[in-house]
Amino acid sequence: MTEQAYLVLLSLSAKQRHGYAVIQAVRELSDGRTRLGAGTLYGNLDRLVAAGLVEPTGEEVVDGRLRRYYRATDDGRRAARAETLRLAELAERARRSLARGETSVRGGGLAGSGA
């Protein structure tokens, strides 16, 4: 799962949101590091809907603009939890590796390069 898709799914796991609210939630979840444009957002939503992880929940017109609402399905919430666990385990392995001074795997990478 891409980071952007994960953040979109995570933003929809607690409650339904419309597109712009998802964009804001992703920005907040990523501490401002990830900023989604409309095309990226809706491309991710389309893929998550097709995968059964997100579902549209309705739409309304606000100030002359259409708002479409989405929420994570039960499978989507399970996928968000699983991805969160996977990332936490990866971060823990990385922390242990860095604590031992390892910066490469199987001889390649950055070991000894000073980078």
PDB file of N, CA and C in Angstrom:
ATOM      1  N   MET A   1       0.852  -1.174   0.000  1.00  0.00           N
ATOM      2  CA  MET A   1       0.000   0.000   0.000  1.00  0.00           C
ATOM      3  C   MET A   1       0.896   1.235   0.000  1.00  0.00           C
ATOM      4  N   THR A   2       0.607   2.183  -0.871  1.00  0.00           N
ATOM      5  CA  THR A   2       1.416   3.400  -0.905  1.00  0.00           C
ATOM      6  C   THR A   2       1.143   4.237   0.346  1.00  0.00           C
ATOM      7  N   GLU A   3       2.076   5.098   0.659  1.00  0.00           N
ATOM      8  CA  GLU A   3       1.907   5.979   1.817  1.00  0.00           C
ATOM      9  C   GLU A   3       0.658   6.847   1.654  1.00  0.00           C
ATOM     10  N   GLN A   4       0.450   7.377   0.463  1.00  0.00           N
ATOM     11  CA  GLN A   4      -0.723   8.221   0.239  1.00  0.00           C
ATOM     12  C   GLN A   4      -2.020   7.442   0.445  1.00  0.00           C
ATOM     13  N   ALA A   5      -2.095   6.236  -0.110  1.00  0.00           N
ATOM     14  CA  ALA A   5      -3.295   5.414   0.058  1.00  0.00           C
ATOM     15  C   ALA A   5      -3.503   5.076   1.531  1.00  0.00           C
ATOM     16  N   TYR A   6      -2.430   4.745   2.227  1.00  0.00           N
ATOM     17  CA  TYR A   6      -2.519   4.447   3.655  1.00  0.00           C
ATOM     18  C   TYR A   6      -3.077   5.636   4.425  1.00  0.00           C
ATOM     19  N   LEU A   7      -2.569   6.814   4.153  1.00  0.00           N
ATOM     20  CA  LEU A   7      -3.030   8.006   4.866  1.00  0.00           C
ATOM     21  C   LEU A   7      -4.492   8.324   4.541  1.00  0.00           C
ATOM     22  N   VAL A   8      -4.895   8.140   3.289  1.00  0.00           N
ATOM     23  CA  VAL A   8      -6.301   8.349   2.927  1.00  0.00           C
ATOM     24  C   VAL A   8      -7.168   7.351   3.683  1.00  0.00           C
ATOM     25  N   LEU A   9      -6.777   6.086   3.667  1.00  0.00           N
ATOM     26  CA  LEU A   9      -7.539   5.054   4.370  1.00  0.00           C
ATOM     27  C   LEU A   9      -7.588   5.342   5.866  1.00  0.00           C
ATOM     28  N   LEU A  10      -6.470   5.713   6.431  1.00  0.00           N
ATOM     29  CA  LEU A  10      -6.410   6.030   7.851  1.00  0.00           C
ATOM     30  C   LEU A  10      -7.336   7.206   8.186  1.00  0.00           C
ATOM     31  N   SER A  11      -7.378   8.203   7.320  1.00  0.00           N
ATOM     32  CA  SER A  11      -8.229   9.372   7.567  1.00  0.00           C
ATOM     33  C   SER A  11      -9.715   9.018   7.548  1.00  0.00           C
ATOM     34  N   LEU A  12     -10.051   7.934   6.859  1.00  0.00           N
ATOM     35  CA  LEU A  12     -11.452   7.517   6.754  1.00  0.00           C
ATOM     36  C   LEU A  12     -11.812   6.408   7.739  1.00  0.00           C
ATOM     37  N   SER A  13     -10.852   5.964   8.525  1.00  0.00           N
ATOM     38  CA  SER A  13     -11.097   4.848   9.437  1.00  0.00           C
ATOM     39  C   SER A  13     -11.928   5.239  10.652  1.00  0.00           C
ATOM     40  N   ALA A  14     -11.802   6.462  11.111  1.00  0.00           N
ATOM     41  CA  ALA A  14     -12.531   6.892  12.308  1.00  0.00           C
ATOM     42  C   ALA A  14     -13.922   7.426  11.981  1.00  0.00           C
ATOM     43  N   LYS A  15     -14.052   8.093  10.830  1.00  0.00           N
ATOM     44  CA  LYS A  15     -15.344   8.673  10.466  1.00  0.00           C
ATOM     45  C   LYS A  15     -15.381   8.966   8.980  1.00  0.00           C
ATOM     46  N   GLN A  16     -16.588   9.171   8.482  1.00  0.00           N
ATOM     47  CA  GLN A  16     -16.719   9.523   7.064  1.00  0.00           C
ATOM     48  C   GLN A  16     -16.256  10.965   6.862  1.00  0.00           C
ATOM     49  N   ARG A  17     -15.753  11.225   5.677  1.00  0.00           N
ATOM     50  CA  ARG A  17     -15.292  12.572   5.329  1.00  0.00           C
ATOM     51  C   ARG A  17     -15.569  12.832   3.860  1.00  0.00           C
ATOM     52  N   HIS A  18     -15.670  14.104   3.516  1.00  0.00           N
ATOM     53  CA  HIS A  18     -15.729  14.490   2.110  1.00  0.00           C
ATOM     54  C   HIS A  18     -14.311  14.766   1.640  1.00  0.00           C
ATOM     55  N   GLY A  19     -14.145  14.902   0.335  1.00  0.00           N
ATOM     56  CA  GLY A  19     -12.821  14.992  -0.269  1.00  0.00           C
ATOM     57  C   GLY A  19     -11.891  16.004   0.360  1.00  0.00           C
ATOM     58  N   TYR A  20     -12.337  17.246   0.517  1.00  0.00           N
ATOM     59  CA  TYR A  20     -11.455  18.275   1.064  1.00  0.00           C
ATOM     60  C   TYR A  20     -11.082  17.958   2.510  1.00  0.00           C
ATOM     61  N   ALA A  21     -12.011  17.385   3.277  1.00  0.00           N
ATOM     62  CA  ALA A  21     -11.707  17.004   4.660  1.00  0.00           C
ATOM     63  C   ALA A  21     -10.667  15.887   4.693  1.00  0.00           C
ATOM     64  N   VAL A  22     -10.685  14.983   3.705  1.00  0.00           N
ATOM     65  CA  VAL A  22      -9.665  13.938   3.617  1.00  0.00           C
ATOM     66  C   VAL A  22      -8.304  14.588   3.360  1.00  0.00           C
ATOM     67  N   ILE A  23      -8.255  15.531   2.440  1.00  0.00           N
ATOM     68  CA  ILE A  23      -7.004  16.242   2.132  1.00  0.00           C
ATOM     69  C   ILE A  23      -6.438  16.889   3.396  1.00  0.00           C
ATOM     70  N   GLN A  24      -7.305  17.548   4.171  1.00  0.00           N
ATOM     71  CA  GLN A  24      -6.863  18.195   5.411  1.00  0.00           C
ATOM     72  C   GLN A  24      -6.392  17.162   6.439  1.00  0.00           C
ATOM     73  N   ALA A  25      -7.126  16.063   6.564  1.00  0.00           N
ATOM     74  CA  ALA A  25      -6.752  15.029   7.532  1.00  0.00           C
ATOM     75  C   ALA A  25      -5.415  14.397   7.166  1.00  0.00           C
ATOM     76  N   VAL A  26      -5.186  14.150   5.884  1.00  0.00           N
ATOM     77  CA  VAL A  26      -3.913  13.579   5.441  1.00  0.00           C
ATOM     78  C   VAL A  26      -2.775  14.537   5.749  1.00  0.00           C
ATOM     79  N   ARG A  27      -2.990  15.810   5.510  1.00  0.00           N
ATOM     80  CA  ARG A  27      -1.953  16.799   5.819  1.00  0.00           C
ATOM     81  C   ARG A  27      -1.641  16.780   7.319  1.00  0.00           C
ATOM     82  N   GLU A  28      -2.685  16.695   8.140  1.00  0.00           N
ATOM     83  CA  GLU A  28      -2.489  16.666   9.592  1.00  0.00           C
ATOM     84  C   GLU A  28      -1.810  15.370  10.038  1.00  0.00           C
ATOM     85  N   LEU A  29      -2.274  14.241   9.525  1.00  0.00           N
ATOM     86  CA  LEU A  29      -1.684  12.949   9.898  1.00  0.00           C
ATOM     87  C   LEU A  29      -0.200  12.875   9.540  1.00  0.00           C
ATOM     88  N   SER A  30       0.163  13.510   8.439  1.00  0.00           N
ATOM     89  CA  SER A  30       1.556  13.455   7.978  1.00  0.00           C
ATOM     90  C   SER A  30       2.382  14.632   8.482  1.00  0.00           C
ATOM     91  N   ASP A  31       1.804  15.414   9.376  1.00  0.00           N
ATOM     92  CA  ASP A  31       2.486  16.590   9.928  1.00  0.00           C
ATOM     93  C   ASP A  31       2.902  17.561   8.818  1.00  0.00           C
ATOM     94  N   GLY A  32       2.039  17.679   7.804  1.00  0.00           N
ATOM     95  CA  GLY A  32       2.270  18.620   6.713  1.00  0.00           C
ATOM     96  C   GLY A  32       3.155  18.104   5.601  1.00  0.00           C
ATOM     97  N   ARG A  33       3.677  16.899   5.741  1.00  0.00           N
ATOM     98  CA  ARG A  33       4.611  16.358   4.753  1.00  0.00           C
ATOM     99  C   ARG A  33       3.922  15.887   3.482  1.00  0.00           C
ATOM    100  N   THR A  34       2.675  15.404   3.596  1.00  0.00           N
ATOM    101  CA  THR A  34       1.942  14.917   2.434  1.00  0.00           C
ATOM    102  C   THR A  34       0.789  15.856   2.133  1.00  0.00           C
ATOM    103  N   ARG A  35       0.823  16.408   0.925  1.00  0.00           N
ATOM    104  CA  ARG A  35      -0.239  17.312   0.471  1.00  0.00           C
ATOM    105  C   ARG A  35      -0.824  16.724  -0.812  1.00  0.00           C
ATOM    106  N   LEU A  36      -2.072  16.311  -0.714  1.00  0.00           N
ATOM    107  CA  LEU A  36      -2.726  15.674  -1.853  1.00  0.00           C
ATOM    108  C   LEU A  36      -3.436  16.701  -2.714  1.00  0.00           C
ATOM    109  N   GLY A  37      -3.276  16.573  -4.016  1.00  0.00           N
ATOM    110  CA  GLY A  37      -4.095  17.315  -4.956  1.00  0.00           C
ATOM    111  C   GLY A  37      -5.366  16.525  -5.214  1.00  0.00           C
ATOM    112  N   ALA A  38      -6.333  17.158  -5.842  1.00  0.00           N
ATOM    113  CA  ALA A  38      -7.623  16.502  -6.095  1.00  0.00           C
ATOM    114  C   ALA A  38      -7.454  15.240  -6.941  1.00  0.00           C
ATOM    115  N   GLY A  39      -6.643  15.304  -7.967  1.00  0.00           N
ATOM    116  CA  GLY A  39      -6.450  14.141  -8.835  1.00  0.00           C
ATOM    117  C   GLY A  39      -5.844  12.963  -8.092  1.00  0.00           C
ATOM    118  N   THR A  40      -4.853  13.237  -7.259  1.00  0.00           N
ATOM    119  CA  THR A  40      -4.223  12.188  -6.463  1.00  0.00           C
ATOM    120  C   THR A  40      -5.209  11.615  -5.454  1.00  0.00           C
ATOM    121  N   LEU A  41      -5.954  12.489  -4.796  1.00  0.00           N
ATOM    122  CA  LEU A  41      -6.943  12.032  -3.820  1.00  0.00           C
ATOM    123  C   LEU A  41      -7.962  11.114  -4.468  1.00  0.00           C
ATOM    124  N   TYR A  42      -8.586  11.583  -5.557  1.00  0.00           N
ATOM    125  CA  TYR A  42      -9.661  10.790  -6.151  1.00  0.00           C
ATOM    126  C   TYR A  42      -9.147   9.535  -6.848  1.00  0.00           C
ATOM    127  N   GLY A  43      -7.920   9.564  -7.339  1.00  0.00           N
ATOM    128  CA  GLY A  43      -7.318   8.341  -7.868  1.00  0.00           C
ATOM    129  C   GLY A  43      -7.152   7.303  -6.769  1.00  0.00           C
ATOM    130  N   ASN A  44      -6.662   7.745  -5.605  1.00  0.00           N
ATOM    131  CA  ASN A  44      -6.522   6.837  -4.465  1.00  0.00           C
ATOM    132  C   ASN A  44      -7.882   6.351  -3.985  1.00  0.00           C
ATOM    133  N   LEU A  45      -8.856   7.250  -3.902  1.00  0.00           N
ATOM    134  CA  LEU A  45     -10.196   6.836  -3.475  1.00  0.00           C
ATOM    135  C   LEU A  45     -10.786   5.812  -4.437  1.00  0.00           C
ATOM    136  N   ASP A  46     -10.625   6.037  -5.732  1.00  0.00           N
ATOM    137  CA  ASP A  46     -11.145   5.080  -6.718  1.00  0.00           C
ATOM    138  C   ASP A  46     -10.529   3.696  -6.514  1.00  0.00           C
ATOM    139  N   ARG A  47      -9.206   3.650  -6.297  1.00  0.00           N
ATOM    140  CA  ARG A  47      -8.532   2.366  -6.089  1.00  0.00           C
ATOM    141  C   ARG A  47      -8.964   1.708  -4.778  1.00  0.00           C
ATOM    142  N   LEU A  48      -9.123   2.507  -3.727  1.00  0.00           N
ATOM    143  CA  LEU A  48      -9.555   1.959  -2.438  1.00  0.00           C
ATOM    144  C   LEU A  48     -10.994   1.459  -2.504  1.00  0.00           C
ATOM    145  N   VAL A  49     -11.847   2.160  -3.244  1.00  0.00           N
ATOM    146  CA  VAL A  49     -13.236   1.708  -3.432  1.00  0.00           C
ATOM    147  C   VAL A  49     -13.231   0.394  -4.215  1.00  0.00           C
ATOM    148  N   ALA A  50     -12.452   0.339  -5.291  1.00  0.00           N
ATOM    149  CA  ALA A  50     -12.393  -0.878  -6.118  1.00  0.00           C
ATOM    150  C   ALA A  50     -11.886  -2.069  -5.312  1.00  0.00           C
ATOM    151  N   ALA A  51     -11.006  -1.823  -4.338  1.00  0.00           N
ATOM    152  CA  ALA A  51     -10.457  -2.884  -3.506  1.00  0.00           C
ATOM    153  C   ALA A  51     -11.392  -3.258  -2.352  1.00  0.00           C
ATOM    154  N   GLY A  52     -12.489  -2.528  -2.205  1.00  0.00           N
ATOM    155  CA  GLY A  52     -13.438  -2.815  -1.132  1.00  0.00           C
ATOM    156  C   GLY A  52     -13.016  -2.290   0.227  1.00  0.00           C
ATOM    157  N   LEU A  53     -12.051  -1.380   0.254  1.00  0.00           N
ATOM    158  CA  LEU A  53     -11.554  -0.837   1.516  1.00  0.00           C
ATOM    159  C   LEU A  53     -12.251   0.445   1.930  1.00  0.00           C
ATOM    160  N   VAL A  54     -12.844   1.117   0.961  1.00  0.00           N
ATOM    161  CA  VAL A  54     -13.557   2.382   1.185  1.00  0.00           C
ATOM    162  C   VAL A  54     -14.859   2.308   0.415  1.00  0.00           C
ATOM    163  N   GLU A  55     -15.874   2.988   0.935  1.00  0.00           N
ATOM    164  CA  GLU A  55     -17.143   3.053   0.213  1.00  0.00           C
ATOM    165  C   GLU A  55     -17.692   4.475   0.247  1.00  0.00           C
ATOM    166  N   PRO A  56     -18.343   4.888  -0.847  1.00  0.00           N
ATOM    167  CA  PRO A  56     -19.002   6.191  -0.832  1.00  0.00           C
ATOM    168  C   PRO A  56     -20.232   6.100   0.065  1.00  0.00           C
ATOM    169  N   THR A  57     -20.512   7.183   0.787  1.00  0.00           N
ATOM    170  CA  THR A  57     -21.647   7.156   1.709  1.00  0.00           C
ATOM    171  C   THR A  57     -22.705   8.195   1.370  1.00  0.00           C
ATOM    172  N   GLY A  58     -22.455   9.010   0.374  1.00  0.00           N
ATOM    173  CA  GLY A  58     -23.454   9.995  -0.017  1.00  0.00           C
ATOM    174  C   GLY A  58     -22.812  11.252  -0.557  1.00  0.00           C
ATOM    175  N   GLU A  59     -23.652  12.173  -0.899  1.00  0.00           N
ATOM    176  CA  GLU A  59     -23.171  13.464  -1.395  1.00  0.00           C
ATOM    177  C   GLU A  59     -24.192  14.533  -1.068  1.00  0.00           C
ATOM    178  N   GLU A  60     -23.713  15.769  -1.039  1.00  0.00           N
ATOM    179  CA  GLU A  60     -24.577  16.912  -0.797  1.00  0.00           C
ATOM    180  C   GLU A  60     -23.977  18.127  -1.490  1.00  0.00           C
ATOM    181  N   VAL A  61     -24.793  19.100  -1.747  1.00  0.00           N
ATOM    182  CA  VAL A  61     -24.325  20.345  -2.343  1.00  0.00           C
ATOM    183  C   VAL A  61     -24.179  21.367  -1.219  1.00  0.00           C
ATOM    184  N   VAL A  62     -22.979  21.939  -1.106  1.00  0.00           N
ATOM    185  CA  VAL A  62     -22.694  22.953  -0.099  1.00  0.00           C
ATOM    186  C   VAL A  62     -22.100  24.147  -0.814  1.00  0.00           C
ATOM    187  N   ASP A  63     -22.735  25.298  -0.670  1.00  0.00           N
ATOM    188  CA  ASP A  63     -22.275  26.522  -1.337  1.00  0.00           C
ATOM    189  C   ASP A  63     -22.096  26.310  -2.833  1.00  0.00           C
ATOM    190  N   GLY A  64     -23.017  25.572  -3.442  1.00  0.00           N
ATOM    191  CA  GLY A  64     -22.999  25.346  -4.873  1.00  0.00           C
ATOM    192  C   GLY A  64     -22.000  24.302  -5.347  1.00  0.00           C
ATOM    193  N   ARG A  65     -21.318  23.649  -4.421  1.00  0.00           N
ATOM    194  CA  ARG A  65     -20.322  22.634  -4.786  1.00  0.00           C
ATOM    195  C   ARG A  65     -20.748  21.280  -4.243  1.00  0.00           C
ATOM    196  N   LEU A  66     -20.520  20.257  -5.045  1.00  0.00           N
ATOM    197  CA  LEU A  66     -20.867  18.899  -4.654  1.00  0.00           C
ATOM    198  C   LEU A  66     -19.804  18.327  -3.726  1.00  0.00           C
ATOM    199  N   ARG A  67     -20.241  17.808  -2.581  1.00  0.00           N
ATOM    200  CA  ARG A  67     -19.346  17.105  -1.662  1.00  0.00           C
ATOM    201  C   ARG A  67     -19.716  15.633  -1.677  1.00  0.00           C
ATOM    202  N   ARG A  68     -18.738  14.803  -1.973  1.00  0.00           N
ATOM    203  CA  ARG A  68     -18.932  13.356  -1.907  1.00  0.00           C
ATOM    204  C   ARG A  68     -18.282  12.857  -0.623  1.00  0.00           C
ATOM    205  N   TYR A  69     -19.002  12.017   0.076  1.00  0.00           N
ATOM    206  CA  TYR A  69     -18.522  11.485   1.346  1.00  0.00           C
ATOM    207  C   TYR A  69     -18.110  10.020   1.195  1.00  0.00           C
ATOM    208  N   TYR A  70     -17.075   9.645   1.938  1.00  0.00           N
ATOM    209  CA  TYR A  70     -16.539   8.292   1.916  1.00  0.00           C
ATOM    210  C   TYR A  70     -16.262   7.856   3.348  1.00  0.00           C
ATOM    211  N   ARG A  71     -16.212   6.530   3.541  1.00  0.00           N
ATOM    212  CA  ARG A  71     -15.788   5.974   4.828  1.00  0.00           C
ATOM    213  C   ARG A  71     -15.091   4.643   4.557  1.00  0.00           C
ATOM    214  N   ALA A  72     -14.266   4.251   5.516  1.00  0.00           N
ATOM    215  CA  ALA A  72     -13.596   2.949   5.421  1.00  0.00           C
ATOM    216  C   ALA A  72     -14.607   1.851   5.719  1.00  0.00           C
ATOM    217  N   THR A  73     -14.501   0.764   4.991  1.00  0.00           N
ATOM    218  CA  THR A  73     -15.313  -0.419   5.274  1.00  0.00           C
ATOM    219  C   THR A  73     -14.657  -1.168   6.441  1.00  0.00           C
ATOM    220  N   ASP A  74     -15.312  -2.226   6.904  1.00  0.00           N
ATOM    221  CA  ASP A  74     -14.689  -3.062   7.938  1.00  0.00           C
ATOM    222  C   ASP A  74     -13.358  -3.615   7.435  1.00  0.00           C
ATOM    223  N   ASP A  75     -13.334  -4.071   6.174  1.00  0.00           N
ATOM    224  CA  ASP A  75     -12.077  -4.553   5.590  1.00  0.00           C
ATOM    225  C   ASP A  75     -11.045  -3.435   5.529  1.00  0.00           C
ATOM    226  N   GLY A  76     -11.480  -2.223   5.240  1.00  0.00           N
ATOM    227  CA  GLY A  76     -10.578  -1.081   5.187  1.00  0.00           C
ATOM    228  C   GLY A  76      -9.972  -0.764   6.542  1.00  0.00           C
ATOM    229  N   ARG A  77     -10.796  -0.819   7.592  1.00  0.00           N
ATOM    230  CA  ARG A  77     -10.269  -0.582   8.938  1.00  0.00           C
ATOM    231  C   ARG A  77      -9.283  -1.679   9.336  1.00  0.00           C
ATOM    232  N   ARG A  78      -9.584  -2.922   8.971  1.00  0.00           N
ATOM    233  CA  ARG A  78      -8.647  -4.010   9.251  1.00  0.00           C
ATOM    234  C   ARG A  78      -7.337  -3.792   8.484  1.00  0.00           C
ATOM    235  N   ALA A  79      -7.442  -3.369   7.236  1.00  0.00           N
ATOM    236  CA  ALA A  79      -6.239  -3.117   6.426  1.00  0.00           C
ATOM    237  C   ALA A  79      -5.423  -1.969   7.013  1.00  0.00           C
ATOM    238  N   ALA A  80      -6.082  -0.932   7.503  1.00  0.00           N
ATOM    239  CA  ALA A  80      -5.374   0.195   8.117  1.00  0.00           C
ATOM    240  C   ALA A  80      -4.645  -0.256   9.379  1.00  0.00           C
ATOM    241  N   ARG A  81      -5.295  -1.081  10.185  1.00  0.00           N
ATOM    242  CA  ARG A  81      -4.640  -1.607  11.396  1.00  0.00           C
ATOM    243  C   ARG A  81      -3.445  -2.487  11.022  1.00  0.00           C
ATOM    244  N   ALA A  82      -3.625  -3.352  10.029  1.00  0.00           N
ATOM    245  CA  ALA A  82      -2.541  -4.242   9.608  1.00  0.00           C
ATOM    246  C   ALA A  82      -1.353  -3.440   9.067  1.00  0.00           C
ATOM    247  N   GLU A  83      -1.622  -2.420   8.268  1.00  0.00           N
ATOM    248  CA  GLU A  83      -0.541  -1.599   7.713  1.00  0.00           C
ATOM    249  C   GLU A  83       0.152  -0.813   8.815  1.00  0.00           C
ATOM    250  N   THR A  84      -0.601  -0.333   9.792  1.00  0.00           N
ATOM    251  CA  THR A  84      -0.016   0.386  10.920  1.00  0.00           C
ATOM    252  C   THR A  84       0.914  -0.533  11.699  1.00  0.00           C
ATOM    253  N   LEU A  85       0.486  -1.765  11.936  1.00  0.00           N
ATOM    254  CA  LEU A  85       1.322  -2.751  12.631  1.00  0.00           C
ATOM    255  C   LEU A  85       2.575  -3.059  11.818  1.00  0.00           C
ATOM    256  N   ARG A  86       2.419  -3.246  10.505  1.00  0.00           N
ATOM    257  CA  ARG A  86       3.570  -3.528   9.644  1.00  0.00           C
ATOM    258  C   ARG A  86       4.586  -2.392   9.706  1.00  0.00           C
ATOM    259  N   LEU A  87       4.098  -1.151   9.641  1.00  0.00           N
ATOM    260  CA  LEU A  87       4.997   0.005   9.687  1.00  0.00           C
ATOM    261  C   LEU A  87       5.673   0.135  11.051  1.00  0.00           C
ATOM    262  N   ALA A  88       4.937  -0.166  12.117  1.00  0.00           N
ATOM    263  CA  ALA A  88       5.524  -0.109  13.459  1.00  0.00           C
ATOM    264  C   ALA A  88       6.625  -1.154  13.599  1.00  0.00           C
ATOM    265  N   GLU A  89       6.387  -2.359  13.069  1.00  0.00           N
ATOM    266  CA  GLU A  89       7.410  -3.413  13.119  1.00  0.00           C
ATOM    267  C   GLU A  89       8.625  -3.023  12.287  1.00  0.00           C
ATOM    268  N   LEU A  90       8.398  -2.437  11.131  1.00  0.00           N
ATOM    269  CA  LEU A  90       9.507  -1.972  10.298  1.00  0.00           C
ATOM    270  C   LEU A  90      10.310  -0.899  11.022  1.00  0.00           C
ATOM    271  N   ALA A  91       9.614   0.051  11.644  1.00  0.00           N
ATOM    272  CA  ALA A  91      10.295   1.114  12.384  1.00  0.00           C
ATOM    273  C   ALA A  91      11.111   0.538  13.532  1.00  0.00           C
ATOM    274  N   GLU A  92      10.586  -0.479  14.209  1.00  0.00           N
ATOM    275  CA  GLU A  92      11.325  -1.102  15.315  1.00  0.00           C
ATOM    276  C   GLU A  92      12.576  -1.806  14.794  1.00  0.00           C
ATOM    277  N   ARG A  93      12.461  -2.523  13.678  1.00  0.00           N
ATOM    278  CA  ARG A  93      13.648  -3.169  13.094  1.00  0.00           C
ATOM    279  C   ARG A  93      14.677  -2.118  12.682  1.00  0.00           C
ATOM    280  N   ALA A  94      14.208  -1.026  12.117  1.00  0.00           N
ATOM    281  CA  ALA A  94      15.121   0.054  11.715  1.00  0.00           C
ATOM    282  C   ALA A  94      15.805   0.663  12.928  1.00  0.00           C
ATOM    283  N   ARG A  95      15.044   0.865  14.009  1.00  0.00           N
ATOM    284  CA  ARG A  95      15.622   1.429  15.228  1.00  0.00           C
ATOM    285  C   ARG A  95      16.728   0.526  15.774  1.00  0.00           C
ATOM    286  N   ARG A  96      16.462  -0.790  15.808  1.00  0.00           N
ATOM    287  CA  ARG A  96      17.465  -1.734  16.297  1.00  0.00           C
ATOM    288  C   ARG A  96      18.703  -1.736  15.395  1.00  0.00           C
ATOM    289  N   SER A  97      18.479  -1.692  14.107  1.00  0.00           N
ATOM    290  CA  SER A  97      19.589  -1.684  13.156  1.00  0.00           C
ATOM    291  C   SER A  97      20.440  -0.427  13.318  1.00  0.00           C
ATOM    292  N   LEU A  98      19.786   0.698  13.457  1.00  0.00           N
ATOM    293  CA  LEU A  98      20.523   1.953  13.643  1.00  0.00           C
ATOM    294  C   LEU A  98      21.276   1.968  14.969  1.00  0.00           C
ATOM    295  N   ALA A  99      20.675   1.377  16.002  1.00  0.00           N
ATOM    296  CA  ALA A  99      21.333   1.328  17.310  1.00  0.00           C
ATOM    297  C   ALA A  99      22.608   0.488  17.242  1.00  0.00           C
ATOM    298  N   ARG A 100      22.630  -0.519  16.365  1.00  0.00           N
ATOM    299  CA  ARG A 100      23.824  -1.350  16.189  1.00  0.00           C
ATOM    300  C   ARG A 100      24.799  -0.713  15.205  1.00  0.00           C
ATOM    301  N   GLY A 101      24.424   0.375  14.593  1.00  0.00           N
ATOM    302  CA  GLY A 101      25.300   1.032  13.634  1.00  0.00           C
ATOM    303  C   GLY A 101      25.232   0.452  12.247  1.00  0.00           C
ATOM    304  N   GLU A 102      24.213  -0.369  11.982  1.00  0.00           N
ATOM    305  CA  GLU A 102      24.062  -0.959  10.654  1.00  0.00           C
ATOM    306  C   GLU A 102      23.301   0.002   9.758  1.00  0.00           C
ATOM    307  N   THR A 103      23.846   0.240   8.586  1.00  0.00           N
ATOM    308  CA  THR A 103      23.153   1.100   7.629  1.00  0.00           C
ATOM    309  C   THR A 103      22.963   0.434   6.287  1.00  0.00           C
ATOM    310  N   SER A 104      23.374  -0.813   6.162  1.00  0.00           N
ATOM    311  CA  SER A 104      23.186  -1.501   4.900  1.00  0.00           C
ATOM    312  C   SER A 104      22.702  -2.908   5.157  1.00  0.00           C
ATOM    313  N   VAL A 105      22.174  -3.513   4.124  1.00  0.00           N
ATOM    314  CA  VAL A 105      21.702  -4.888   4.191  1.00  0.00           C
ATOM    315  C   VAL A 105      22.476  -5.685   3.151  1.00  0.00           C
ATOM    316  N   ARG A 106      23.054  -6.798   3.572  1.00  0.00           N
ATOM    317  CA  ARG A 106      23.786  -7.701   2.675  1.00  0.00           C
ATOM    318  C   ARG A 106      24.905  -7.002   1.884  1.00  0.00           C
ATOM    319  N   GLY A 107      25.608  -6.091   2.527  1.00  0.00           N
ATOM    320  CA  GLY A 107      26.808  -5.540   1.911  1.00  0.00           C
ATOM    321  C   GLY A 107      26.610  -4.356   1.005  1.00  0.00           C
ATOM    322  N   GLY A 108      25.410  -4.066   0.530  1.00  0.00           N
ATOM    323  CA  GLY A 108      25.206  -2.917  -0.340  1.00  0.00           C
ATOM    324  C   GLY A 108      24.876  -1.686   0.478  1.00  0.00           C
ATOM    325  N   GLY A 109      24.417  -0.671  -0.146  1.00  0.00           N
ATOM    326  CA  GLY A 109      23.874   0.471   0.572  1.00  0.00           C
ATOM    327  C   GLY A 109      24.899   1.475   0.996  1.00  0.00           C
ATOM    328  N   LEU A 110      24.667   2.074   2.173  1.00  0.00           N
ATOM    329  CA  LEU A 110      25.384   3.261   2.582  1.00  0.00           C
ATOM    330  C   LEU A 110      26.508   2.992   3.579  1.00  0.00           C
ATOM    331  N   ALA A 111      26.703   1.762   4.008  1.00  0.00           N
ATOM    332  CA  ALA A 111      27.704   1.496   5.033  1.00  0.00           C
ATOM    333  C   ALA A 111      29.064   2.046   4.635  1.00  0.00           C
ATOM    334  N   GLY A 112      29.631   2.842   5.514  1.00  0.00           N
ATOM    335  CA  GLY A 112      30.954   3.372   5.298  1.00  0.00           C
ATOM    336  C   GLY A 112      31.038   4.500   4.271  1.00  0.00           C
ATOM    337  N   SER A 113      29.919   4.893   3.673  1.00  0.00           N
ATOM    338  CA  SER A 113      29.978   5.940   2.658  1.00  0.00           C
ATOM    339  C   SER A 113      29.891   7.323   3.256  1.00  0.00           C
ATOM    340  N   GLY A 114      29.499   7.394   4.555  1.00  0.00           N
ATOM    341  CA  GLY A 114      29.370   8.704   5.189  1.00  0.00           C
ATOM    342  C   GLY A 114      28.086   9.389   4.829  1.00  0.00           C
ATOM    343  N   ALA A 115      27.234   8.738   4.033  1.00  0.00           N
ATOM    344  CA  ALA A 115      25.970   9.355   3.640  1.00  0.00           C
ATOM    345  C   ALA A 115      24.878   8.970   4.593  1.00  0.00           C
TER     346      ALA A 115
END
